[in-house]
Amino acid sequence: QDWYMRAEEIHLDYDREVGELSNASIYFKETPIFYLPTASFSLNSKRKSGFMTPWFSTSTKNGGDFTLPYYWNLAPNYDVTFFLRAIARRGFQLGTETHYLGHLYQGDGRFEYMPDDSLAKRSRYAYNWNHTHNLGRGLTAAINWNGVSDASYWTDLSSRLLQTAQIQLPRQLTLGYAPSSWWSASATWLRYQTLQPDPNIPVARPYFLEPQINVYGRIPNLSFADFSLVGQVSQFTHTTLPEGRRSVLYPQISFPIYHPAFNITPKIGVHATQYDLTRQVTGL
């Protein structure tokens, strides 16, 4: 056994389904590598409230960086994790992360706040919220909302590569409607918070969708043919560039032929796209 734990005292309480130990050490190859003065653990493989493993890092920009998370198992279907973070050259940061699950909804969210950054001389924050909800009668809703206090937040306060490389933070709301199995529709509103971490390398702002409406329908076995329709209307908006609307319509009809030796599906369709642009700059 390469890995094992040895403790001075271990108490197993099967009524509370919790185990407790004191003066424990973790060994690797008969060498102690970590000491725990006291700890508790679950005996039923379920989640348990308590402090999680802290982490520490150091860098030339922030100095020492220490985070201590506390996990709170509020109920079987939702929990909260609190973070206390101390950065030597910047100050203290508080954070929380939650997950929840219901019969008709689910989601997660995270919020971080530093009341006084000693280097930036201001308060700083970041947040994100993801939520999906079944509203009943074929109607659904989803939200994905992200934001930070300033353009340098990720490069200053995050050590995760996916975050430090993120410069377009989506803020999206989607409504869906599927009353039957043969047709559905959705509407999406999408904006971005565009970060400019380096003023010498400007980042182009993307177009917003306000909104984009999608319609899809399919009727199979309609007099030996299958009929389908795809439609989309997108309203593109921008603060400085030309704006416009794009309409797409794609009706199709197919005639599937099934044989024990082969399958053939002849199909015909019309793909029509129309653009209606405004605020264009024409050259002389």
Protein backbone atom coordinates (compact mmCIF):
# COMPACT_ATOMS: atom_id res chain seq x y z
CA GLN A 1 0.00 0.00 0.00
CA ASP A 2 1.67 3.18 -1.19
CA TRP A 3 -0.89 5.54 0.35
CA TYR A 4 -2.53 5.24 3.76
CA MET A 5 -3.66 7.32 6.71
CA ARG A 6 -2.84 6.69 10.35
CA ALA A 7 -4.61 8.41 13.25
CA GLU A 8 -4.20 8.41 16.99
CA GLU A 9 -7.96 8.04 17.47
CA ILE A 10 -10.86 7.27 15.09
CA HIS A 11 -14.50 7.44 16.14
CA LEU A 12 -17.26 6.09 13.87
CA ASP A 13 -20.76 7.31 14.76
CA TYR A 14 -23.19 5.27 12.67
CA ASP A 15 -26.21 7.03 14.20
CA ARG A 16 -25.10 10.37 12.71
CA GLU A 17 -23.25 8.59 9.87
CA VAL A 18 -20.14 10.67 10.55
CA GLY A 19 -16.58 9.62 11.26
CA GLU A 20 -14.11 11.70 13.28
CA LEU A 21 -10.36 11.38 13.74
CA SER A 22 -7.61 13.19 15.59
CA ASN A 23 -3.85 13.52 15.17
CA ALA A 24 -3.85 11.90 11.74
CA SER A 25 -1.06 11.74 9.18
CA ILE A 26 -1.11 10.81 5.52
CA TYR A 27 1.75 8.52 4.47
CA PHE A 28 3.29 7.83 1.09
CA LYS A 29 5.90 5.09 0.86
CA GLU A 30 6.07 5.02 4.67
CA THR A 31 6.85 8.74 4.75
CA PRO A 32 4.40 11.19 6.41
CA ILE A 33 3.59 14.02 3.99
CA PHE A 34 0.55 15.72 5.57
CA TYR A 35 -0.75 16.18 9.11
CA LEU A 36 -4.36 16.68 10.26
CA PRO A 37 -4.95 17.62 13.90
CA THR A 38 -8.65 16.82 13.52
CA ALA A 39 -11.03 15.93 10.69
CA SER A 40 -14.47 14.47 10.03
CA PHE A 41 -15.89 12.54 7.11
CA SER A 42 -19.15 11.01 5.94
CA LEU A 43 -19.88 7.31 6.40
CA ASN A 44 -22.70 7.12 3.84
CA SER A 45 -20.97 8.60 0.76
CA LYS A 46 -23.24 11.64 0.93
CA ARG A 47 -22.15 15.26 0.80
CA LYS A 48 -21.11 16.78 4.10
CA SER A 49 -20.72 20.38 5.22
CA GLY A 50 -17.27 21.52 6.26
CA PHE A 51 -14.03 23.18 5.23
CA MET A 52 -12.56 21.95 1.96
CA THR A 53 -8.92 21.63 0.99
CA PRO A 54 -7.34 25.11 0.89
CA TRP A 55 -5.00 26.15 -1.89
CA PHE A 56 -2.02 28.45 -2.00
CA SER A 57 -0.07 30.05 -4.83
CA THR A 58 2.40 32.86 -5.29
CA SER A 59 3.28 35.22 -8.14
CA THR A 60 5.36 38.32 -8.72
CA LYS A 61 2.20 40.38 -9.34
CA ASN A 62 0.06 39.37 -6.34
CA GLY A 63 2.52 37.84 -3.89
CA GLY A 64 1.11 35.10 -1.69
CA ASP A 65 -2.43 33.98 -2.56
CA PHE A 66 -4.39 31.80 -0.07
CA THR A 67 -8.00 30.58 -0.42
CA LEU A 68 -10.03 28.68 2.18
CA PRO A 69 -13.40 27.30 0.94
CA TYR A 70 -16.27 26.17 3.16
CA TYR A 71 -18.91 23.83 1.74
CA TRP A 72 -22.46 24.04 3.14
CA ASN A 73 -24.77 21.18 2.21
CA LEU A 74 -28.11 22.92 2.71
CA ALA A 75 -30.31 20.21 1.19
CA PRO A 76 -30.04 17.22 -1.16
CA ASN A 77 -30.91 19.45 -4.11
CA TYR A 78 -28.90 22.62 -3.39
CA ASP A 79 -25.64 23.69 -1.74
CA VAL A 80 -23.42 26.73 -1.26
CA THR A 81 -19.65 27.08 -1.11
CA PHE A 82 -18.11 30.17 0.51
CA PHE A 83 -14.59 31.35 -0.31
CA LEU A 84 -12.30 33.48 1.83
CA ARG A 85 -9.31 34.60 -0.18
CA ALA A 86 -6.30 36.59 1.01
CA ILE A 87 -3.95 38.14 -1.55
CA ALA A 88 -0.82 39.63 -0.02
CA ARG A 89 -0.51 42.69 -2.30
CA ARG A 90 -4.20 43.31 -2.94
CA GLY A 91 -6.28 42.46 0.13
CA PHE A 92 -9.20 40.18 0.99
CA GLN A 93 -11.78 38.77 -1.38
CA LEU A 94 -15.09 37.07 -0.56
CA GLY A 95 -16.85 34.67 -2.88
CA THR A 96 -19.76 32.27 -3.05
CA GLU A 97 -20.79 29.53 -5.45
CA THR A 98 -24.15 27.77 -5.42
CA HIS A 99 -25.81 24.87 -7.25
CA TYR A 100 -29.50 24.07 -7.15
CA LEU A 101 -31.84 21.54 -8.74
CA GLY A 102 -35.61 21.43 -8.73
CA HIS A 103 -38.34 19.45 -10.43
CA LEU A 104 -38.72 22.05 -13.20
CA TYR A 105 -35.49 24.04 -12.97
CA GLN A 106 -31.75 23.86 -12.34
CA GLY A 107 -28.85 26.24 -12.29
CA ASP A 108 -25.66 27.50 -10.69
CA GLY A 109 -24.14 30.85 -9.86
CA ARG A 110 -20.93 32.40 -8.61
CA PHE A 111 -20.12 35.83 -7.18
CA GLU A 112 -16.75 37.28 -6.14
CA TYR A 113 -16.18 40.62 -4.45
CA MET A 114 -13.06 42.45 -3.30
CA PRO A 115 -14.04 45.60 -1.36
CA ASP A 116 -10.65 47.32 -1.71
CA ASP A 117 -7.91 46.30 -4.12
CA SER A 118 -4.70 47.88 -2.80
CA LEU A 119 -3.05 47.88 -6.23
CA ALA A 120 -6.02 48.93 -8.37
CA LYS A 121 -7.34 51.38 -5.72
CA ARG A 122 -10.99 50.33 -6.18
CA SER A 123 -13.51 47.63 -5.40
CA ARG A 124 -13.77 44.74 -7.87
CA TYR A 125 -16.29 41.99 -8.56
CA ALA A 126 -17.25 39.21 -10.96
CA TYR A 127 -20.39 37.13 -11.37
CA ASN A 128 -22.04 34.51 -13.54
CA TRP A 129 -25.48 32.88 -13.44
CA ASN A 130 -26.79 29.94 -15.48
CA HIS A 131 -30.41 28.89 -15.12
CA THR A 132 -32.87 26.73 -17.09
CA HIS A 133 -36.56 26.53 -16.30
CA ASN A 134 -39.48 24.48 -17.59
CA LEU A 135 -42.45 26.85 -17.45
CA GLY A 136 -44.98 24.22 -18.50
CA ARG A 137 -47.17 23.73 -21.59
CA GLY A 138 -44.11 23.42 -23.80
CA LEU A 139 -42.58 26.73 -22.70
CA THR A 140 -38.97 26.86 -21.44
CA ALA A 141 -36.57 29.63 -20.45
CA ALA A 142 -32.80 29.84 -20.01
CA ILE A 143 -30.43 32.57 -18.89
CA ASN A 144 -26.64 32.84 -19.07
CA TRP A 145 -25.44 36.12 -17.53
CA ASN A 146 -21.81 37.08 -16.93
CA GLY A 147 -20.00 40.24 -15.91
CA VAL A 148 -16.92 41.74 -14.28
CA SER A 149 -16.18 45.14 -12.76
CA ASP A 150 -13.30 46.03 -15.12
CA ALA A 151 -11.39 44.78 -18.14
CA SER A 152 -8.33 43.58 -16.17
CA TYR A 153 -10.24 41.52 -13.62
CA TRP A 154 -9.40 38.07 -15.01
CA THR A 155 -5.75 38.84 -15.74
CA ASP A 156 -5.24 40.26 -12.23
CA LEU A 157 -7.30 37.95 -10.05
CA SER A 158 -7.71 34.63 -11.86
CA SER A 159 -5.21 31.82 -12.34
CA ARG A 160 -7.43 29.79 -14.67
CA LEU A 161 -6.44 29.97 -18.33
CA LEU A 162 -10.03 29.75 -19.64
CA GLN A 163 -10.94 32.86 -17.67
CA THR A 164 -7.85 34.94 -18.37
CA ALA A 165 -8.36 34.34 -22.12
CA GLN A 166 -12.04 35.30 -22.01
CA ILE A 167 -12.74 38.76 -23.42
CA GLN A 168 -16.38 38.41 -24.58
CA LEU A 169 -18.74 37.76 -21.66
CA PRO A 170 -22.17 36.63 -22.92
CA ARG A 171 -25.44 37.90 -21.49
CA GLN A 172 -28.08 35.70 -23.04
CA LEU A 173 -31.78 35.08 -22.52
CA THR A 174 -33.61 32.32 -24.43
CA LEU A 175 -37.30 31.44 -24.57
CA GLY A 176 -38.41 28.18 -26.17
CA TYR A 177 -41.81 26.85 -27.16
CA ALA A 178 -42.47 23.25 -28.25
CA PRO A 179 -46.20 22.50 -27.96
CA SER A 180 -46.00 19.33 -30.04
CA SER A 181 -43.53 16.93 -31.57
CA TRP A 182 -43.75 18.35 -35.09
CA TRP A 183 -42.87 22.03 -34.56
CA SER A 184 -40.99 24.28 -32.16
CA ALA A 185 -39.88 27.89 -31.88
CA SER A 186 -37.38 29.90 -29.85
CA ALA A 187 -36.33 33.51 -29.29
CA THR A 188 -32.86 34.57 -28.13
CA TRP A 189 -31.55 37.91 -26.90
CA LEU A 190 -27.75 38.03 -26.76
CA ARG A 191 -25.39 40.80 -25.70
CA TYR A 192 -21.72 40.82 -24.66
CA GLN A 193 -19.55 42.66 -22.20
CA THR A 194 -16.39 43.23 -24.23
CA LEU A 195 -13.19 43.50 -22.22
CA GLN A 196 -10.25 45.64 -23.35
CA PRO A 197 -7.34 44.38 -21.20
CA ASP A 198 -4.67 45.90 -23.46
CA PRO A 199 -5.38 49.41 -24.82
CA ASN A 200 -2.74 48.91 -27.52
CA ILE A 201 -4.61 45.87 -28.91
CA PRO A 202 -8.26 46.91 -29.27
CA VAL A 203 -10.88 44.15 -29.21
CA ALA A 204 -13.71 44.43 -31.74
CA ARG A 205 -17.19 44.47 -30.28
CA PRO A 206 -19.43 41.72 -31.71
CA TYR A 207 -22.94 42.22 -32.99
CA PHE A 208 -25.84 41.79 -30.57
CA LEU A 209 -28.90 39.66 -31.32
CA GLU A 210 -32.01 41.56 -30.27
CA PRO A 211 -33.67 39.17 -30.91
CA GLN A 212 -33.16 36.07 -33.01
CA ILE A 213 -36.31 34.03 -33.67
CA ASN A 214 -36.10 30.43 -34.89
CA VAL A 215 -38.94 28.21 -36.16
CA TYR A 216 -38.63 24.55 -37.05
CA GLY A 217 -41.31 22.16 -38.25
CA ARG A 218 -41.43 18.66 -39.69
CA ILE A 219 -44.38 16.58 -40.83
CA PRO A 220 -43.36 13.02 -41.80
CA ASN A 221 -45.36 10.57 -43.89
CA LEU A 222 -47.46 13.22 -45.58
CA SER A 223 -48.77 11.37 -48.66
CA PHE A 224 -45.55 9.36 -49.00
CA ALA A 225 -43.44 12.49 -48.43
CA ASP A 226 -41.79 14.30 -45.55
CA PHE A 227 -42.16 18.04 -45.24
CA SER A 228 -39.88 20.27 -43.13
CA LEU A 229 -39.45 23.98 -42.68
CA VAL A 230 -36.63 26.03 -41.11
CA GLY A 231 -37.14 29.73 -40.56
CA GLN A 232 -35.05 32.36 -38.81
CA VAL A 233 -35.23 36.11 -38.30
CA SER A 234 -32.21 37.82 -36.71
CA GLN A 235 -32.00 41.46 -35.70
CA PHE A 236 -28.33 42.51 -35.50
CA THR A 237 -27.51 45.66 -33.53
CA HIS A 238 -24.24 47.46 -32.90
CA THR A 239 -23.10 50.70 -31.30
CA THR A 240 -21.08 51.94 -34.29
CA LEU A 241 -21.28 49.52 -37.26
CA PRO A 242 -24.15 49.13 -39.75
CA GLU A 243 -27.16 47.29 -38.37
CA GLY A 244 -29.71 45.10 -40.07
CA ARG A 245 -32.13 42.20 -40.16
CA ARG A 246 -31.55 38.83 -41.80
CA SER A 247 -34.47 36.57 -42.72
CA VAL A 248 -33.98 32.94 -43.71
CA LEU A 249 -36.63 30.54 -45.02
CA TYR A 250 -35.85 26.97 -46.04
CA PRO A 251 -38.83 24.73 -46.91
CA GLN A 252 -38.02 21.17 -47.97
CA ILE A 253 -39.92 18.14 -49.19
CA SER A 254 -38.40 14.67 -49.41
CA PHE A 255 -39.57 11.29 -50.72
CA PRO A 256 -37.82 8.53 -48.79
CA ILE A 257 -37.65 5.17 -50.57
CA TYR A 258 -36.81 2.17 -48.40
CA HIS A 259 -35.74 -1.19 -49.84
CA PRO A 260 -34.10 -4.20 -48.17
CA ALA A 261 -31.01 -3.55 -50.33
CA PHE A 262 -30.85 0.25 -50.28
CA ASN A 263 -32.37 3.53 -49.09
CA ILE A 264 -32.84 6.55 -51.34
CA THR A 265 -34.21 9.93 -50.28
CA PRO A 266 -34.80 12.39 -53.12
CA LYS A 267 -35.29 15.90 -51.73
CA ILE A 268 -36.03 19.34 -53.06
CA GLY A 269 -35.93 22.62 -51.18
CA VAL A 270 -35.70 26.36 -51.55
CA HIS A 271 -33.24 28.33 -49.44
CA ALA A 272 -34.16 32.02 -49.40
CA THR A 273 -32.23 34.70 -47.49
CA GLN A 274 -33.01 38.39 -47.32
CA TYR A 275 -30.99 41.21 -45.75
CA ASP A 276 -32.33 44.60 -44.70
CA LEU A 277 -29.45 46.87 -43.66
CA THR A 278 -29.53 50.31 -42.05
CA ARG A 279 -26.93 52.92 -41.13
CA GLN A 280 -24.70 52.01 -44.03
CA VAL A 281 -21.83 54.19 -45.18
CA THR A 282 -21.67 54.41 -48.95
CA GLY A 283 -18.50 55.38 -50.77
CA LEU A 284 -18.38 58.29 -53.20
